PDB file of all heavy atoms in Angstrom:
ATOM      1  N   ILE A   1     -21.657  59.763   0.676  1.00  0.00           N
ATOM      2  CA  ILE A   1     -23.046  59.379   0.890  1.00  0.00           C
ATOM      3  C   ILE A   1     -23.510  59.929   2.229  1.00  0.00           C
ATOM      4  O   ILE A   1     -22.763  59.904   3.200  1.00  0.00           O
ATOM      5  CB  ILE A   1     -23.185  57.839   0.791  1.00  0.00           C
ATOM      6  CG1 ILE A   1     -24.639  57.420   0.744  1.00  0.00           C
ATOM      7  CG2 ILE A   1     -22.452  57.142   1.900  1.00  0.00           C
ATOM      8  CD1 ILE A   1     -24.814  55.999   0.264  1.00  0.00           C
ATOM      9  N   ASP A   2     -24.720  60.431   2.281  1.00  0.00           N
ATOM     10  CA  ASP A   2     -25.214  61.039   3.521  1.00  0.00           C
ATOM     11  C   ASP A   2     -26.144  60.075   4.251  1.00  0.00           C
ATOM     12  O   ASP A   2     -26.475  58.994   3.761  1.00  0.00           O
ATOM     13  CB  ASP A   2     -25.901  62.373   3.232  1.00  0.00           C
ATOM     14  CG  ASP A   2     -27.160  62.223   2.395  1.00  0.00           C
ATOM     15  OD1 ASP A   2     -27.359  61.140   1.816  1.00  0.00           O
ATOM     16  OD2 ASP A   2     -27.937  63.188   2.340  1.00  0.00           O
ATOM     17  N   GLY A   3     -26.560  60.494   5.436  1.00  0.00           N
ATOM     18  CA  GLY A   3     -27.393  59.655   6.291  1.00  0.00           C
ATOM     19  C   GLY A   3     -28.747  59.346   5.711  1.00  0.00           C
ATOM     20  O   GLY A   3     -29.271  58.243   5.884  1.00  0.00           O
ATOM     21  N   ARG A   4     -29.341  60.299   5.009  1.00  0.00           N
ATOM     22  CA  ARG A   4     -30.660  60.083   4.413  1.00  0.00           C
ATOM     23  C   ARG A   4     -30.587  58.990   3.347  1.00  0.00           C
ATOM     24  O   ARG A   4     -31.448  58.117   3.272  1.00  0.00           O
ATOM     25  CB  ARG A   4     -31.160  61.391   3.805  1.00  0.00           C
ATOM     26  CG  ARG A   4     -32.632  61.377   3.503  1.00  0.00           C
ATOM     27  CD  ARG A   4     -33.108  62.688   2.940  1.00  0.00           C
ATOM     28  NE  ARG A   4     -32.915  63.769   3.910  1.00  0.00           N
ATOM     29  CZ  ARG A   4     -32.951  65.049   3.598  1.00  0.00           C
ATOM     30  NH1 ARG A   4     -33.166  65.422   2.353  1.00  0.00           N
ATOM     31  NH2 ARG A   4     -32.783  65.971   4.519  1.00  0.00           N
ATOM     32  N   THR A   5     -29.525  59.002   2.560  1.00  0.00           N
ATOM     33  CA  THR A   5     -29.344  57.980   1.532  1.00  0.00           C
ATOM     34  C   THR A   5     -29.037  56.623   2.163  1.00  0.00           C
ATOM     35  O   THR A   5     -29.508  55.581   1.680  1.00  0.00           O
ATOM     36  CB  THR A   5     -28.202  58.389   0.569  1.00  0.00           C
ATOM     37  OG1 THR A   5     -28.422  59.722   0.140  1.00  0.00           O
ATOM     38  CG2 THR A   5     -28.141  57.480  -0.622  1.00  0.00           C
ATOM     39  N   LEU A   6     -28.271  56.607   3.233  1.00  0.00           N
ATOM     40  CA  LEU A   6     -28.011  55.353   3.943  1.00  0.00           C
ATOM     41  C   LEU A   6     -29.301  54.753   4.484  1.00  0.00           C
ATOM     42  O   LEU A   6     -29.474  53.533   4.477  1.00  0.00           O
ATOM     43  CB  LEU A   6     -27.022  55.583   5.087  1.00  0.00           C
ATOM     44  CG  LEU A   6     -25.546  55.662   4.723  1.00  0.00           C
ATOM     45  CD1 LEU A   6     -24.720  56.048   5.937  1.00  0.00           C
ATOM     46  CD2 LEU A   6     -25.056  54.365   4.136  1.00  0.00           C
ATOM     47  N   ASN A   7     -30.209  55.602   4.943  1.00  0.00           N
ATOM     48  CA  ASN A   7     -31.511  55.146   5.414  1.00  0.00           C
ATOM     49  C   ASN A   7     -32.256  54.419   4.307  1.00  0.00           C
ATOM     50  O   ASN A   7     -32.830  53.343   4.524  1.00  0.00           O
ATOM     51  CB  ASN A   7     -32.342  56.338   5.900  1.00  0.00           C
ATOM     52  CG  ASN A   7     -32.860  56.136   7.294  1.00  0.00           C
ATOM     53  OD1 ASN A   7     -32.603  55.121   7.921  1.00  0.00           O
ATOM     54  ND2 ASN A   7     -33.599  57.117   7.763  1.00  0.00           N
ATOM     55  N   ILE A   8     -32.259  54.987   3.106  1.00  0.00           N
ATOM     56  CA  ILE A   8     -32.935  54.375   1.965  1.00  0.00           C
ATOM     57  C   ILE A   8     -32.277  53.046   1.611  1.00  0.00           C
ATOM     58  O   ILE A   8     -32.951  52.057   1.314  1.00  0.00           O
ATOM     59  CB  ILE A   8     -32.925  55.344   0.757  1.00  0.00           C
ATOM     60  CG1 ILE A   8     -33.761  56.582   1.073  1.00  0.00           C
ATOM     61  CG2 ILE A   8     -33.421  54.657  -0.504  1.00  0.00           C
ATOM     62  CD1 ILE A   8     -33.605  57.717   0.091  1.00  0.00           C
ATOM     63  N   ILE A   9     -30.965  53.013   1.664  1.00  0.00           N
ATOM     64  CA  ILE A   9     -30.226  51.785   1.332  1.00  0.00           C
ATOM     65  C   ILE A   9     -30.570  50.661   2.298  1.00  0.00           C
ATOM     66  O   ILE A   9     -30.865  49.536   1.888  1.00  0.00           O
ATOM     67  CB  ILE A   9     -28.710  52.050   1.314  1.00  0.00           C
ATOM     68  CG1 ILE A   9     -28.340  52.906   0.111  1.00  0.00           C
ATOM     69  CG2 ILE A   9     -27.910  50.748   1.321  1.00  0.00           C
ATOM     70  CD1 ILE A   9     -26.922  53.418   0.132  1.00  0.00           C
ATOM     71  N   PHE A  10     -30.544  50.945   3.599  1.00  0.00           N
ATOM     72  CA  PHE A  10     -30.787  49.894   4.593  1.00  0.00           C
ATOM     73  C   PHE A  10     -32.252  49.488   4.669  1.00  0.00           C
ATOM     74  O   PHE A  10     -32.559  48.329   4.910  1.00  0.00           O
ATOM     75  CB  PHE A  10     -30.276  50.334   5.967  1.00  0.00           C
ATOM     76  CG  PHE A  10     -28.785  50.339   6.067  1.00  0.00           C
ATOM     77  CD1 PHE A  10     -28.097  51.473   6.442  1.00  0.00           C
ATOM     78  CD2 PHE A  10     -28.050  49.204   5.788  1.00  0.00           C
ATOM     79  CE1 PHE A  10     -26.724  51.487   6.533  1.00  0.00           C
ATOM     80  CE2 PHE A  10     -26.677  49.195   5.872  1.00  0.00           C
ATOM     81  CZ  PHE A  10     -26.006  50.344   6.245  1.00  0.00           C
ATOM     82  N   GLN A  11     -33.170  50.410   4.469  1.00  0.00           N
ATOM     83  CA  GLN A  11     -34.598  50.067   4.525  1.00  0.00           C
ATOM     84  C   GLN A  11     -35.082  49.428   3.236  1.00  0.00           C
ATOM     85  O   GLN A  11     -36.013  48.633   3.253  1.00  0.00           O
ATOM     86  CB  GLN A  11     -35.424  51.311   4.837  1.00  0.00           C
ATOM     87  CG  GLN A  11     -35.248  51.790   6.258  1.00  0.00           C
ATOM     88  CD  GLN A  11     -36.008  53.082   6.541  1.00  0.00           C
ATOM     89  OE1 GLN A  11     -36.604  53.668   5.652  1.00  0.00           O
ATOM     90  NE2 GLN A  11     -35.977  53.498   7.797  1.00  0.00           N
ATOM     91  N   GLY A  12     -34.438  49.761   2.119  1.00  0.00           N
ATOM     92  CA  GLY A  12     -34.877  49.234   0.829  1.00  0.00           C
ATOM     93  C   GLY A  12     -34.194  47.946   0.410  1.00  0.00           C
ATOM     94  O   GLY A  12     -34.461  47.431  -0.669  1.00  0.00           O
ATOM     95  N   GLY A  13     -33.301  47.430   1.218  1.00  0.00           N
ATOM     96  CA  GLY A  13     -32.617  46.183   0.879  1.00  0.00           C
ATOM     97  C   GLY A  13     -31.617  46.350  -0.255  1.00  0.00           C
ATOM     98  O   GLY A  13     -31.429  45.439  -1.062  1.00  0.00           O
ATOM     99  N   LEU A  14     -30.986  47.497  -0.326  1.00  0.00           N
ATOM    100  CA  LEU A  14     -30.036  47.788  -1.399  1.00  0.00           C
ATOM    101  C   LEU A  14     -28.584  47.643  -0.949  1.00  0.00           C
ATOM    102  O   LEU A  14     -27.692  48.257  -1.547  1.00  0.00           O
ATOM    103  CB  LEU A  14     -30.279  49.211  -1.926  1.00  0.00           C
ATOM    104  CG  LEU A  14     -31.687  49.503  -2.448  1.00  0.00           C
ATOM    105  CD1 LEU A  14     -31.860  50.978  -2.705  1.00  0.00           C
ATOM    106  CD2 LEU A  14     -31.944  48.702  -3.713  1.00  0.00           C
ATOM    107  N   GLU A  15     -28.341  46.836   0.080  1.00  0.00           N
ATOM    108  CA  GLU A  15     -26.999  46.708   0.633  1.00  0.00           C
ATOM    109  C   GLU A  15     -25.997  46.161  -0.379  1.00  0.00           C
ATOM    110  O   GLU A  15     -24.876  46.649  -0.475  1.00  0.00           O
ATOM    111  CB  GLU A  15     -26.999  45.812   1.878  1.00  0.00           C
ATOM    112  CG  GLU A  15     -27.660  46.405   3.084  1.00  0.00           C
ATOM    113  CD  GLU A  15     -29.118  45.988   3.213  1.00  0.00           C
ATOM    114  OE1 GLU A  15     -29.661  45.376   2.260  1.00  0.00           O
ATOM    115  OE2 GLU A  15     -29.712  46.276   4.251  1.00  0.00           O
ATOM    116  N   GLU A  16     -26.415  45.132  -1.181  1.00  0.00           N
ATOM    117  CA  GLU A  16     -25.496  44.550  -2.151  1.00  0.00           C
ATOM    118  C   GLU A  16     -25.107  45.555  -3.231  1.00  0.00           C
ATOM    119  O   GLU A  16     -23.946  45.631  -3.633  1.00  0.00           O
ATOM    120  CB  GLU A  16     -26.109  43.296  -2.794  1.00  0.00           C
ATOM    121  CG  GLU A  16     -26.017  42.058  -1.916  1.00  0.00           C
ATOM    122  CD  GLU A  16     -27.120  42.006  -0.859  1.00  0.00           C
ATOM    123  OE1 GLU A  16     -28.168  42.665  -1.065  1.00  0.00           O
ATOM    124  OE2 GLU A  16     -26.921  41.347   0.168  1.00  0.00           O
ATOM    125  N   LYS A  17     -26.075  46.333  -3.704  1.00  0.00           N
ATOM    126  CA  LYS A  17     -25.782  47.337  -4.739  1.00  0.00           C
ATOM    127  C   LYS A  17     -24.877  48.433  -4.178  1.00  0.00           C
ATOM    128  O   LYS A  17     -23.987  48.919  -4.873  1.00  0.00           O
ATOM    129  CB  LYS A  17     -27.072  47.927  -5.288  1.00  0.00           C
ATOM    130  CG  LYS A  17     -27.867  46.915  -6.063  1.00  0.00           C
ATOM    131  CD  LYS A  17     -28.994  47.541  -6.811  1.00  0.00           C
ATOM    132  CE  LYS A  17     -29.757  46.419  -7.481  1.00  0.00           C
ATOM    133  NZ  LYS A  17     -30.246  46.761  -8.767  1.00  0.00           N
ATOM    134  N   PHE A  18     -25.098  48.798  -2.913  1.00  0.00           N
ATOM    135  CA  PHE A  18     -24.241  49.791  -2.271  1.00  0.00           C
ATOM    136  C   PHE A  18     -22.811  49.271  -2.171  1.00  0.00           C
ATOM    137  O   PHE A  18     -21.855  49.989  -2.454  1.00  0.00           O
ATOM    138  CB  PHE A  18     -24.805  50.138  -0.887  1.00  0.00           C
ATOM    139  CG  PHE A  18     -23.886  50.962  -0.034  1.00  0.00           C
ATOM    140  CD1 PHE A  18     -23.516  52.242  -0.407  1.00  0.00           C
ATOM    141  CD2 PHE A  18     -23.383  50.458   1.158  1.00  0.00           C
ATOM    142  CE1 PHE A  18     -22.668  53.001   0.376  1.00  0.00           C
ATOM    143  CE2 PHE A  18     -22.543  51.205   1.952  1.00  0.00           C
ATOM    144  CZ  PHE A  18     -22.180  52.480   1.558  1.00  0.00           C
ATOM    145  N   LEU A  19     -22.660  47.994  -1.799  1.00  0.00           N
ATOM    146  CA  LEU A  19     -21.320  47.416  -1.697  1.00  0.00           C
ATOM    147  C   LEU A  19     -20.643  47.298  -3.060  1.00  0.00           C
ATOM    148  O   LEU A  19     -19.433  47.509  -3.175  1.00  0.00           O
ATOM    149  CB  LEU A  19     -21.375  46.044  -1.025  1.00  0.00           C
ATOM    150  CG  LEU A  19     -21.517  46.059   0.488  1.00  0.00           C
ATOM    151  CD1 LEU A  19     -21.673  44.656   1.022  1.00  0.00           C
ATOM    152  CD2 LEU A  19     -20.335  46.734   1.134  1.00  0.00           C
ATOM    153  N   GLU A  20     -21.408  46.968  -4.099  1.00  0.00           N
ATOM    154  CA  GLU A  20     -20.836  46.908  -5.449  1.00  0.00           C
ATOM    155  C   GLU A  20     -20.299  48.269  -5.860  1.00  0.00           C
ATOM    156  O   GLU A  20     -19.209  48.372  -6.419  1.00  0.00           O
ATOM    157  CB  GLU A  20     -21.893  46.449  -6.449  1.00  0.00           C
ATOM    158  CG  GLU A  20     -22.177  44.968  -6.428  1.00  0.00           C
ATOM    159  CD  GLU A  20     -23.260  44.594  -7.423  1.00  0.00           C
ATOM    160  OE1 GLU A  20     -23.309  45.223  -8.518  1.00  0.00           O
ATOM    161  OE2 GLU A  20     -24.058  43.708  -7.118  1.00  0.00           O
ATOM    162  N   LEU A  21     -21.075  49.307  -5.592  1.00  0.00           N
ATOM    163  CA  LEU A  21     -20.644  50.662  -5.927  1.00  0.00           C
ATOM    164  C   LEU A  21     -19.439  51.079  -5.088  1.00  0.00           C
ATOM    165  O   LEU A  21     -18.495  51.663  -5.597  1.00  0.00           O
ATOM    166  CB  LEU A  21     -21.800  51.646  -5.730  1.00  0.00           C
ATOM    167  CG  LEU A  21     -21.513  53.118  -6.003  1.00  0.00           C
ATOM    168  CD1 LEU A  21     -21.123  53.315  -7.459  1.00  0.00           C
ATOM    169  CD2 LEU A  21     -22.714  53.966  -5.644  1.00  0.00           C
ATOM    170  N   ALA A  22     -19.475  50.736  -3.808  1.00  0.00           N
ATOM    171  CA  ALA A  22     -18.374  51.107  -2.912  1.00  0.00           C
ATOM    172  C   ALA A  22     -17.073  50.399  -3.295  1.00  0.00           C
ATOM    173  O   ALA A  22     -15.996  50.972  -3.153  1.00  0.00           O
ATOM    174  CB  ALA A  22     -18.742  50.792  -1.466  1.00  0.00           C
ATOM    175  N   ARG A  23     -17.156  49.182  -3.788  1.00  0.00           N
ATOM    176  CA  ARG A  23     -15.952  48.448  -4.189  1.00  0.00           C
ATOM    177  C   ARG A  23     -15.271  49.070  -5.398  1.00  0.00           C
ATOM    178  O   ARG A  23     -14.076  48.901  -5.595  1.00  0.00           O
ATOM    179  CB  ARG A  23     -16.293  46.992  -4.498  1.00  0.00           C
ATOM    180  CG  ARG A  23     -16.628  46.199  -3.263  1.00  0.00           C
ATOM    181  CD  ARG A  23     -16.952  44.808  -3.619  1.00  0.00           C
ATOM    182  NE  ARG A  23     -15.774  43.993  -3.337  1.00  0.00           N
ATOM    183  CZ  ARG A  23     -15.750  42.682  -3.456  1.00  0.00           C
ATOM    184  NH1 ARG A  23     -16.811  42.054  -3.877  1.00  0.00           N
ATOM    185  NH2 ARG A  23     -14.666  42.013  -3.165  1.00  0.00           N
ATOM    186  N   LEU A  24     -16.034  49.787  -6.222  1.00  0.00           N
ATOM    187  CA  LEU A  24     -15.465  50.439  -7.394  1.00  0.00           C
ATOM    188  C   LEU A  24     -14.748  51.741  -7.053  1.00  0.00           C
ATOM    189  O   LEU A  24     -14.014  52.271  -7.877  1.00  0.00           O
ATOM    190  CB  LEU A  24     -16.564  50.716  -8.429  1.00  0.00           C
ATOM    191  CG  LEU A  24     -17.267  49.483  -8.997  1.00  0.00           C
ATOM    192  CD1 LEU A  24     -18.434  49.905  -9.878  1.00  0.00           C
ATOM    193  CD2 LEU A  24     -16.287  48.609  -9.761  1.00  0.00           C
ATOM    194  N   CYS A  25     -14.958  52.238  -5.835  1.00  0.00           N
ATOM    195  CA  CYS A  25     -14.383  53.526  -5.424  1.00  0.00           C
ATOM    196  C   CYS A  25     -13.113  53.306  -4.607  1.00  0.00           C
ATOM    197  O   CYS A  25     -12.967  52.303  -3.916  1.00  0.00           O
ATOM    198  CB  CYS A  25     -15.397  54.305  -4.594  1.00  0.00           C
ATOM    199  SG  CYS A  25     -16.924  54.623  -5.477  1.00  0.00           S
ATOM    200  N   ARG A  26     -12.226  54.277  -4.688  1.00  0.00           N
ATOM    201  CA  ARG A  26     -11.009  54.215  -3.881  1.00  0.00           C
ATOM    202  C   ARG A  26     -11.285  54.591  -2.440  1.00  0.00           C
ATOM    203  O   ARG A  26     -10.606  54.145  -1.526  1.00  0.00           O
ATOM    204  CB  ARG A  26      -9.943  55.131  -4.466  1.00  0.00           C
ATOM    205  CG  ARG A  26      -9.392  54.593  -5.764  1.00  0.00           C
ATOM    206  CD  ARG A  26      -8.301  55.440  -6.300  1.00  0.00           C
ATOM    207  NE  ARG A  26      -7.152  55.322  -5.405  1.00  0.00           N
ATOM    208  CZ  ARG A  26      -6.030  55.961  -5.578  1.00  0.00           C
ATOM    209  NH1 ARG A  26      -5.880  56.758  -6.602  1.00  0.00           N
ATOM    210  NH2 ARG A  26      -5.037  55.821  -4.733  1.00  0.00           N
ATOM    211  N   SER A  27     -12.256  55.470  -2.202  1.00  0.00           N
ATOM    212  CA  SER A  27     -12.618  55.849  -0.840  1.00  0.00           C
ATOM    213  C   SER A  27     -14.115  56.113  -0.772  1.00  0.00           C
ATOM    214  O   SER A  27     -14.726  56.556  -1.741  1.00  0.00           O
ATOM    215  CB  SER A  27     -11.837  57.084  -0.392  1.00  0.00           C
ATOM    216  OG  SER A  27     -12.172  58.178  -1.206  1.00  0.00           O
ATOM    217  N   VAL A  28     -14.683  55.806   0.386  1.00  0.00           N
ATOM    218  CA  VAL A  28     -16.107  56.019   0.625  1.00  0.00           C
ATOM    219  C   VAL A  28     -16.236  56.829   1.897  1.00  0.00           C
ATOM    220  O   VAL A  28     -15.659  56.477   2.927  1.00  0.00           O
ATOM    221  CB  VAL A  28     -16.867  54.674   0.768  1.00  0.00           C
ATOM    222  CG1 VAL A  28     -18.326  54.912   1.066  1.00  0.00           C
ATOM    223  CG2 VAL A  28     -16.694  53.823  -0.471  1.00  0.00           C
ATOM    224  N   LEU A  29     -16.986  57.921   1.833  1.00  0.00           N
ATOM    225  CA  LEU A  29     -17.168  58.810   2.971  1.00  0.00           C
ATOM    226  C   LEU A  29     -18.653  58.874   3.304  1.00  0.00           C
ATOM    227  O   LEU A  29     -19.466  59.244   2.459  1.00  0.00           O
ATOM    228  CB  LEU A  29     -16.637  60.211   2.648  1.00  0.00           C
ATOM    229  CG  LEU A  29     -16.817  61.262   3.722  1.00  0.00           C
ATOM    230  CD1 LEU A  29     -15.941  60.937   4.915  1.00  0.00           C
ATOM    231  CD2 LEU A  29     -16.477  62.624   3.172  1.00  0.00           C
ATOM    232  N   CYS A  30     -18.994  58.464   4.519  1.00  0.00           N
ATOM    233  CA  CYS A  30     -20.374  58.549   4.991  1.00  0.00           C
ATOM    234  C   CYS A  30     -20.466  59.751   5.921  1.00  0.00           C
ATOM    235  O   CYS A  30     -19.833  59.774   6.972  1.00  0.00           O
ATOM    236  CB  CYS A  30     -20.774  57.282   5.731  1.00  0.00           C
ATOM    237  SG  CYS A  30     -20.693  55.804   4.722  1.00  0.00           S
ATOM    238  N   CYS A  31     -21.255  60.743   5.539  1.00  0.00           N
ATOM    239  CA  CYS A  31     -21.362  61.959   6.345  1.00  0.00           C
ATOM    240  C   CYS A  31     -22.799  62.163   6.804  1.00  0.00           C
ATOM    241  O   CYS A  31     -23.737  61.604   6.237  1.00  0.00           O
ATOM    242  CB  CYS A  31     -20.872  63.169   5.551  1.00  0.00           C
ATOM    243  SG  CYS A  31     -21.795  63.467   4.050  1.00  0.00           S
ATOM    244  N   CYS A  32     -22.955  62.943   7.845  1.00  0.00           N
ATOM    245  CA  CYS A  32     -24.268  63.283   8.414  1.00  0.00           C
ATOM    246  C   CYS A  32     -25.090  62.037   8.703  1.00  0.00           C
ATOM    247  O   CYS A  32     -26.282  61.969   8.406  1.00  0.00           O
ATOM    248  CB  CYS A  32     -25.043  64.224   7.490  1.00  0.00           C
ATOM    249  SG  CYS A  32     -24.194  65.762   7.143  1.00  0.00           S
ATOM    250  N   SER A  33     -24.455  61.026   9.254  1.00  0.00           N
ATOM    251  CA  SER A  33     -25.158  59.784   9.553  1.00  0.00           C
ATOM    252  C   SER A  33     -25.266  59.594  11.062  1.00  0.00           C
ATOM    253  O   SER A  33     -24.490  60.140  11.838  1.00  0.00           O
ATOM    254  CB  SER A  33     -24.447  58.595   8.909  1.00  0.00           C
ATOM    255  OG  SER A  33     -23.105  58.552   9.297  1.00  0.00           O
ATOM    256  N   THR A  34     -26.233  58.803  11.447  1.00  0.00           N
ATOM    257  CA  THR A  34     -26.467  58.534  12.868  1.00  0.00           C
ATOM    258  C   THR A  34     -25.475  57.474  13.357  1.00  0.00           C
ATOM    259  O   THR A  34     -24.894  56.738  12.546  1.00  0.00           O
ATOM    260  CB  THR A  34     -27.897  58.026  13.091  1.00  0.00           C
ATOM    261  OG1 THR A  34     -28.046  56.759  12.435  1.00  0.00           O
ATOM    262  CG2 THR A  34     -28.918  59.019  12.547  1.00  0.00           C
ATOM    263  N   PRO A  35     -25.294  57.370  14.668  1.00  0.00           N
ATOM    264  CA  PRO A  35     -24.404  56.324  15.191  1.00  0.00           C
ATOM    265  C   PRO A  35     -24.823  54.911  14.784  1.00  0.00           C
ATOM    266  O   PRO A  35     -23.976  54.068  14.497  1.00  0.00           O
ATOM    267  CB  PRO A  35     -24.504  56.512  16.709  1.00  0.00           C
ATOM    268  CG  PRO A  35     -24.852  57.942  16.887  1.00  0.00           C
ATOM    269  CD  PRO A  35     -25.725  58.292  15.729  1.00  0.00           C
ATOM    270  N   LEU A  36     -26.128  54.672  14.699  1.00  0.00           N
ATOM    271  CA  LEU A  36     -26.610  53.354  14.280  1.00  0.00           C
ATOM    272  C   LEU A  36     -26.240  53.072  12.829  1.00  0.00           C
ATOM    273  O   LEU A  36     -25.816  51.961  12.487  1.00  0.00           O
ATOM    274  CB  LEU A  36     -28.124  53.263  14.473  1.00  0.00           C
ATOM    275  CG  LEU A  36     -28.769  51.948  14.071  1.00  0.00           C
ATOM    276  CD1 LEU A  36     -28.224  50.814  14.926  1.00  0.00           C
ATOM    277  CD2 LEU A  36     -30.275  52.040  14.182  1.00  0.00           C
TER     278      LEU A  36
END
């Protein structure tokens, strides 16, 4: 997942759906994201 998509997730209130998807994966890689 990239920084632009993380922006949409955090601003759109999609944190629970992101966590549900992440729990189904063996590894999650966040790339091109800001320190925040």
